[in-house]
Amino acid sequence: MASVDGRPAQYGICLKQLREVMELRGQEAVDQLRHYGGVQQMCKKLYTSPTE
């Protein structure tokens, strides 16, 4: 598997999925975040921190 800076070259969520989540508001957004495992898991899939 290809890697960049020691991380897999692909993220755990695709751009289309991320875009769909970002367009949601209210309870729909909360439900979709839960579907992806919550904020912590989504950040983990994107190799980022929820606080930075």
PDB file of N, CA and C in Angstrom:
ATOM      1  N   MET A   1       0.841  -1.173   0.000  1.00  0.00           N
ATOM      2  CA  MET A   1       0.000   0.000   0.000  1.00  0.00           C
ATOM      3  C   MET A   1       0.889   1.239   0.000  1.00  0.00           C
ATOM      4  N   ALA A   2       0.550   2.218  -0.820  1.00  0.00           N
ATOM      5  CA  ALA A   2       1.312   3.454  -0.887  1.00  0.00           C
ATOM      6  C   ALA A   2       1.105   4.276   0.377  1.00  0.00           C
ATOM      7  N   SER A   3       2.138   5.036   0.740  1.00  0.00           N
ATOM      8  CA  SER A   3       2.009   5.881   1.928  1.00  0.00           C
ATOM      9  C   SER A   3       2.663   7.236   1.678  1.00  0.00           C
ATOM     10  N   VAL A   4       2.218   8.215   2.450  1.00  0.00           N
ATOM     11  CA  VAL A   4       2.760   9.565   2.405  1.00  0.00           C
ATOM     12  C   VAL A   4       3.059   9.970   3.836  1.00  0.00           C
ATOM     13  N   ASP A   5       4.298  10.303   4.116  1.00  0.00           N
ATOM     14  CA  ASP A   5       4.707  10.677   5.478  1.00  0.00           C
ATOM     15  C   ASP A   5       4.294   9.628   6.506  1.00  0.00           C
ATOM     16  N   GLY A   6       4.381   8.359   6.130  1.00  0.00           N
ATOM     17  CA  GLY A   6       4.067   7.275   7.054  1.00  0.00           C
ATOM     18  C   GLY A   6       2.591   6.973   7.210  1.00  0.00           C
ATOM     19  N   ARG A   7       1.748   7.678   6.483  1.00  0.00           N
ATOM     20  CA  ARG A   7       0.299   7.449   6.548  1.00  0.00           C
ATOM     21  C   ARG A   7      -0.167   6.845   5.230  1.00  0.00           C
ATOM     22  N   PRO A   8      -1.263   6.088   5.252  1.00  0.00           N
ATOM     23  CA  PRO A   8      -1.793   5.574   3.988  1.00  0.00           C
ATOM     24  C   PRO A   8      -2.116   6.729   3.045  1.00  0.00           C
ATOM     25  N   ALA A   9      -1.926   6.519   1.746  1.00  0.00           N
ATOM     26  CA  ALA A   9      -2.162   7.569   0.758  1.00  0.00           C
ATOM     27  C   ALA A   9      -3.641   7.931   0.639  1.00  0.00           C
ATOM     28  N   GLN A  10      -4.530   7.037   1.050  1.00  0.00           N
ATOM     29  CA  GLN A  10      -5.959   7.313   0.974  1.00  0.00           C
ATOM     30  C   GLN A  10      -6.532   7.513   2.370  1.00  0.00           C
ATOM     31  N   TYR A  11      -7.511   8.390   2.450  1.00  0.00           N
ATOM     32  CA  TYR A  11      -8.197   8.639   3.719  1.00  0.00           C
ATOM     33  C   TYR A  11      -9.305   7.618   3.920  1.00  0.00           C
ATOM     34  N   GLY A  12      -9.816   7.532   5.141  1.00  0.00           N
ATOM     35  CA  GLY A  12     -10.872   6.577   5.466  1.00  0.00           C
ATOM     36  C   GLY A  12     -12.256   7.050   5.086  1.00  0.00           C
ATOM     37  N   ILE A  13     -12.355   8.232   4.504  1.00  0.00           N
ATOM     38  CA  ILE A  13     -13.628   8.781   4.054  1.00  0.00           C
ATOM     39  C   ILE A  13     -13.355   9.539   2.758  1.00  0.00           C
ATOM     40  N   CYS A  14     -14.222   9.389   1.782  1.00  0.00           N
ATOM     41  CA  CYS A  14     -13.970  10.038   0.493  1.00  0.00           C
ATOM     42  C   CYS A  14     -14.526  11.466   0.493  1.00  0.00           C
ATOM     43  N   LEU A  15     -14.095  12.238  -0.466  1.00  0.00           N
ATOM     44  CA  LEU A  15     -14.493  13.637  -0.564  1.00  0.00           C
ATOM     45  C   LEU A  15     -16.007  13.788  -0.662  1.00  0.00           C
ATOM     46  N   LYS A  16     -16.644  12.930  -1.428  1.00  0.00           N
ATOM     47  CA  LYS A  16     -18.099  13.000  -1.585  1.00  0.00           C
ATOM     48  C   LYS A  16     -18.799  12.816  -0.235  1.00  0.00           C
ATOM     49  N   GLN A  17     -18.347  11.848   0.548  1.00  0.00           N
ATOM     50  CA  GLN A  17     -18.945  11.602   1.861  1.00  0.00           C
ATOM     51  C   GLN A  17     -18.728  12.796   2.787  1.00  0.00           C
ATOM     52  N   LEU A  18     -17.536  13.345   2.784  1.00  0.00           N
ATOM     53  CA  LEU A  18     -17.232  14.497   3.626  1.00  0.00           C
ATOM     54  C   LEU A  18     -18.089  15.691   3.222  1.00  0.00           C
ATOM     55  N   ARG A  19     -18.220  15.909   1.948  1.00  0.00           N
ATOM     56  CA  ARG A  19     -19.035  17.015   1.442  1.00  0.00           C
ATOM     57  C   ARG A  19     -20.489  16.865   1.879  1.00  0.00           C
ATOM     58  N   GLU A  20     -21.016  15.646   1.787  1.00  0.00           N
ATOM     59  CA  GLU A  20     -22.401  15.390   2.192  1.00  0.00           C
ATOM     60  C   GLU A  20     -22.610  15.700   3.672  1.00  0.00           C
ATOM     61  N   VAL A  21     -21.666  15.309   4.510  1.00  0.00           N
ATOM     62  CA  VAL A  21     -21.774  15.587   5.945  1.00  0.00           C
ATOM     63  C   VAL A  21     -21.729  17.093   6.194  1.00  0.00           C
ATOM     64  N   MET A  22     -20.851  17.789   5.510  1.00  0.00           N
ATOM     65  CA  MET A  22     -20.698  19.226   5.724  1.00  0.00           C
ATOM     66  C   MET A  22     -21.924  20.021   5.291  1.00  0.00           C
ATOM     67  N   GLU A  23     -22.708  19.483   4.380  1.00  0.00           N
ATOM     68  CA  GLU A  23     -23.908  20.176   3.907  1.00  0.00           C
ATOM     69  C   GLU A  23     -25.093  19.999   4.847  1.00  0.00           C
ATOM     70  N   LEU A  24     -25.023  19.033   5.745  1.00  0.00           N
ATOM     71  CA  LEU A  24     -26.134  18.767   6.659  1.00  0.00           C
ATOM     72  C   LEU A  24     -26.132  19.735   7.831  1.00  0.00           C
ATOM     73  N   ARG A  25     -27.315  19.915   8.413  1.00  0.00           N
ATOM     74  CA  ARG A  25     -27.471  20.771   9.586  1.00  0.00           C
ATOM     75  C   ARG A  25     -28.376  20.072  10.585  1.00  0.00           C
ATOM     76  N   GLY A  26     -28.300  20.492  11.839  1.00  0.00           N
ATOM     77  CA  GLY A  26     -29.206  20.004  12.872  1.00  0.00           C
ATOM     78  C   GLY A  26     -29.068  18.517  13.148  1.00  0.00           C
ATOM     79  N   GLN A  27     -30.192  17.894  13.435  1.00  0.00           N
ATOM     80  CA  GLN A  27     -30.211  16.481  13.817  1.00  0.00           C
ATOM     81  C   GLN A  27     -29.689  15.576  12.705  1.00  0.00           C
ATOM     82  N   GLU A  28     -29.926  15.968  11.446  1.00  0.00           N
ATOM     83  CA  GLU A  28     -29.409  15.170  10.327  1.00  0.00           C
ATOM     84  C   GLU A  28     -27.885  15.088  10.384  1.00  0.00           C
ATOM     85  N   ALA A  29     -27.246  16.202  10.693  1.00  0.00           N
ATOM     86  CA  ALA A  29     -25.786  16.223  10.795  1.00  0.00           C
ATOM     87  C   ALA A  29     -25.308  15.346  11.947  1.00  0.00           C
ATOM     88  N   VAL A  30     -25.994  15.439  13.078  1.00  0.00           N
ATOM     89  CA  VAL A  30     -25.638  14.627  14.245  1.00  0.00           C
ATOM     90  C   VAL A  30     -25.765  13.146  13.910  1.00  0.00           C
ATOM     91  N   ASP A  31     -26.861  12.778  13.272  1.00  0.00           N
ATOM     92  CA  ASP A  31     -27.083  11.378  12.901  1.00  0.00           C
ATOM     93  C   ASP A  31     -26.004  10.877  11.947  1.00  0.00           C
ATOM     94  N   GLN A  32     -25.636  11.704  10.981  1.00  0.00           N
ATOM     95  CA  GLN A  32     -24.620  11.290  10.009  1.00  0.00           C
ATOM     96  C   GLN A  32     -23.253  11.156  10.676  1.00  0.00           C
ATOM     97  N   LEU A  33     -22.928  12.070  11.580  1.00  0.00           N
ATOM     98  CA  LEU A  33     -21.664  11.951  12.318  1.00  0.00           C
ATOM     99  C   LEU A  33     -21.636  10.666  13.131  1.00  0.00           C
ATOM    100  N   ARG A  34     -22.745  10.334  13.746  1.00  0.00           N
ATOM    101  CA  ARG A  34     -22.820   9.078  14.505  1.00  0.00           C
ATOM    102  C   ARG A  34     -22.626   7.882  13.581  1.00  0.00           C
ATOM    103  N   HIS A  35     -23.160   7.967  12.375  1.00  0.00           N
ATOM    104  CA  HIS A  35     -23.008   6.892  11.388  1.00  0.00           C
ATOM    105  C   HIS A  35     -21.521   6.630  11.108  1.00  0.00           C
ATOM    106  N   TYR A  36     -20.732   7.686  11.096  1.00  0.00           N
ATOM    107  CA  TYR A  36     -19.295   7.554  10.846  1.00  0.00           C
ATOM    108  C   TYR A  36     -18.496   7.316  12.121  1.00  0.00           C
ATOM    109  N   GLY A  37     -19.161   7.134  13.243  1.00  0.00           N
ATOM    110  CA  GLY A  37     -18.467   6.826  14.489  1.00  0.00           C
ATOM    111  C   GLY A  37     -18.200   8.028  15.372  1.00  0.00           C
ATOM    112  N   GLY A  38     -18.800   9.162  15.062  1.00  0.00           N
ATOM    113  CA  GLY A  38     -18.608  10.368  15.862  1.00  0.00           C
ATOM    114  C   GLY A  38     -17.449  11.208  15.358  1.00  0.00           C
ATOM    115  N   VAL A  39     -17.281  12.341  15.986  1.00  0.00           N
ATOM    116  CA  VAL A  39     -16.247  13.292  15.574  1.00  0.00           C
ATOM    117  C   VAL A  39     -14.851  12.685  15.691  1.00  0.00           C
ATOM    118  N   GLN A  40     -14.596  11.991  16.788  1.00  0.00           N
ATOM    119  CA  GLN A  40     -13.262  11.407  16.994  1.00  0.00           C
ATOM    120  C   GLN A  40     -12.897  10.435  15.871  1.00  0.00           C
ATOM    121  N   GLN A  41     -13.822   9.550  15.521  1.00  0.00           N
ATOM    122  CA  GLN A  41     -13.539   8.559  14.477  1.00  0.00           C
ATOM    123  C   GLN A  41     -13.419   9.205  13.106  1.00  0.00           C
ATOM    124  N   MET A  42     -14.238  10.210  12.844  1.00  0.00           N
ATOM    125  CA  MET A  42     -14.152  10.889  11.559  1.00  0.00           C
ATOM    126  C   MET A  42     -12.801  11.597  11.431  1.00  0.00           C
ATOM    127  N   CYS A  43     -12.361  12.246  12.494  1.00  0.00           N
ATOM    128  CA  CYS A  43     -11.051  12.895  12.478  1.00  0.00           C
ATOM    129  C   CYS A  43      -9.934  11.872  12.299  1.00  0.00           C
ATOM    130  N   LYS A  44     -10.076  10.738  12.930  1.00  0.00           N
ATOM    131  CA  LYS A  44      -9.081   9.669  12.785  1.00  0.00           C
ATOM    132  C   LYS A  44      -8.992   9.219  11.326  1.00  0.00           C
ATOM    133  N   LYS A  45     -10.141   9.097  10.658  1.00  0.00           N
ATOM    134  CA  LYS A  45     -10.166   8.698   9.246  1.00  0.00           C
ATOM    135  C   LYS A  45      -9.523   9.750   8.351  1.00  0.00           C
ATOM    136  N   LEU A  46      -9.556  11.016   8.799  1.00  0.00           N
ATOM    137  CA  LEU A  46      -8.994  12.116   8.018  1.00  0.00           C
ATOM    138  C   LEU A  46      -7.580  12.484   8.466  1.00  0.00           C
ATOM    139  N   TYR A  47      -7.038  11.741   9.423  1.00  0.00           N
ATOM    140  CA  TYR A  47      -5.687  11.979   9.946  1.00  0.00           C
ATOM    141  C   TYR A  47      -5.537  13.416  10.442  1.00  0.00           C
ATOM    142  N   THR A  48      -6.495  13.838  11.246  1.00  0.00           N
ATOM    143  CA  THR A  48      -6.449  15.183  11.814  1.00  0.00           C
ATOM    144  C   THR A  48      -6.901  15.144  13.261  1.00  0.00           C
ATOM    145  N   SER A  49      -6.852  16.273  13.912  1.00  0.00           N
ATOM    146  CA  SER A  49      -7.252  16.380  15.309  1.00  0.00           C
ATOM    147  C   SER A  49      -8.542  17.192  15.410  1.00  0.00           C
ATOM    148  N   PRO A  50      -9.455  16.803  16.286  1.00  0.00           N
ATOM    149  CA  PRO A  50     -10.683  17.585  16.440  1.00  0.00           C
ATOM    150  C   PRO A  50     -10.450  18.906  17.175  1.00  0.00           C
ATOM    151  N   THR A  51      -9.262  19.109  17.706  1.00  0.00           N
ATOM    152  CA  THR A  51      -8.994  20.330  18.472  1.00  0.00           C
ATOM    153  C   THR A  51      -7.983  21.257  17.817  1.00  0.00           C
ATOM    154  N   GLU A  52      -7.419  20.883  16.700  1.00  0.00           N
ATOM    155  CA  GLU A  52      -6.419  21.745  16.040  1.00  0.00           C
ATOM    156  C   GLU A  52      -6.973  22.377  14.802  1.00  0.00           C
TER     157      GLU A  52
END
